[in-house]
Amino acid sequence: MISKDVKTKIVKDNQTHPQDSGSPEIQIALLTERINLLIKHFGTHKKDFGSRNGLMKLVGQRKRLLEYIKREDFSRYEKLIKKLGLRK
């Protein structure tokens, strides 16, 4: 679970304009944070297969949003990938 303070910081860091609260960039950043938290969770709870299914759904959702940004504006996609450190 992402705390309210962390979520607010992520939203502020990824806003495209001051009133922005749900652009694809923000959604991808929030999904990435949730995915990272779940990956840490699996370090200690290796047999938690229910949460693993949820993780796969989050990864798929993030992938679809990334494909959307890539299709609409490739420069935004590249900037976001670099900022979040998703591709090596």
Protein backbone atom coordinates (compact mmCIF):
# COMPACT_ATOMS: atom_id res chain seq x y z
CA MET A 1 0.00 0.00 0.00
CA ILE A 2 1.36 3.38 -0.97
CA SER A 3 1.13 6.00 1.76
CA LYS A 4 -0.65 9.26 1.03
CA ASP A 5 2.58 11.28 1.32
CA VAL A 6 4.44 9.07 -1.18
CA LYS A 7 1.49 9.12 -3.58
CA THR A 8 1.29 12.94 -3.41
CA LYS A 9 5.03 13.21 -4.11
CA ILE A 10 4.77 10.87 -7.11
CA VAL A 11 1.85 12.88 -8.51
CA LYS A 12 3.71 16.19 -8.09
CA ASP A 13 6.87 14.78 -9.71
CA ASN A 14 5.02 13.50 -12.78
CA GLN A 15 2.42 16.21 -13.43
CA THR A 16 2.25 17.65 -16.94
CA HIS A 17 0.45 20.78 -15.68
CA PRO A 18 -0.53 22.04 -12.18
CA GLN A 19 -4.08 20.59 -12.22
CA ASP A 20 -2.99 17.19 -13.60
CA SER A 21 -3.91 14.24 -11.39
CA GLY A 22 -4.50 11.32 -13.75
CA SER A 23 -2.37 11.54 -16.87
CA PRO A 24 -0.79 8.30 -18.15
CA GLU A 25 2.59 9.41 -16.78
CA ILE A 26 1.18 9.65 -13.25
CA GLN A 27 -0.66 6.35 -13.59
CA ILE A 28 2.50 4.58 -14.78
CA ALA A 29 4.58 6.09 -11.96
CA LEU A 30 2.02 4.96 -9.35
CA LEU A 31 1.83 1.47 -10.86
CA THR A 32 5.63 1.27 -10.85
CA GLU A 33 5.72 2.15 -7.16
CA ARG A 34 3.11 -0.51 -6.35
CA ILE A 35 5.00 -3.09 -8.44
CA ASN A 36 8.26 -2.30 -6.62
CA LEU A 37 6.54 -2.69 -3.25
CA LEU A 38 5.11 -6.07 -4.27
CA ILE A 39 8.50 -7.26 -5.52
CA LYS A 40 9.98 -6.44 -2.09
CA HIS A 41 7.06 -8.30 -0.49
CA PHE A 42 7.92 -11.45 -2.45
CA GLY A 43 11.43 -11.43 -1.03
CA THR A 44 10.01 -12.59 2.30
CA HIS A 45 6.73 -14.22 1.18
CA LYS A 46 7.80 -16.53 -1.63
CA LYS A 47 4.59 -18.60 -1.68
CA ASP A 48 2.11 -15.74 -1.83
CA PHE A 49 0.61 -16.70 -5.17
CA GLY A 50 -2.53 -14.59 -4.79
CA SER A 51 -0.51 -11.40 -4.62
CA ARG A 52 1.64 -12.66 -7.48
CA ASN A 53 -1.46 -12.79 -9.68
CA GLY A 54 -2.23 -9.19 -8.71
CA LEU A 55 1.34 -8.24 -9.59
CA MET A 56 0.94 -9.72 -13.07
CA LYS A 57 -2.23 -7.66 -13.58
CA LEU A 58 -0.41 -4.48 -12.53
CA VAL A 59 2.48 -5.24 -14.88
CA GLY A 60 0.04 -5.79 -17.76
CA GLN A 61 -1.79 -2.55 -17.04
CA ARG A 62 1.49 -0.62 -16.94
CA LYS A 63 2.54 -2.23 -20.21
CA ARG A 64 -0.69 -1.13 -21.91
CA LEU A 65 -0.29 2.44 -20.66
CA LEU A 66 3.34 2.52 -21.84
CA GLU A 67 2.27 1.30 -25.28
CA TYR A 68 -0.35 4.06 -25.41
CA ILE A 69 2.21 6.78 -24.62
CA LYS A 70 4.67 5.26 -27.08
CA ARG A 71 2.03 5.34 -29.82
CA GLU A 72 0.89 8.91 -29.05
CA ASP A 73 4.20 10.70 -28.38
CA PHE A 74 7.49 8.82 -28.51
CA SER A 75 9.51 11.61 -26.87
CA ARG A 76 7.20 11.55 -23.80
CA TYR A 77 7.66 7.77 -23.69
CA GLU A 78 11.45 7.98 -23.78
CA LYS A 79 11.50 10.68 -21.09
CA LEU A 80 9.23 8.64 -18.81
CA ILE A 81 11.23 5.44 -19.28
CA LYS A 82 14.43 7.27 -18.35
CA LYS A 83 12.85 8.98 -15.37
CA LEU A 84 11.43 5.75 -13.90
CA GLY A 85 14.38 3.59 -14.91
CA LEU A 86 12.22 0.89 -16.49
CA ARG A 87 14.43 -0.19 -19.38
CA LYS A 88 18.09 -1.04 -19.16
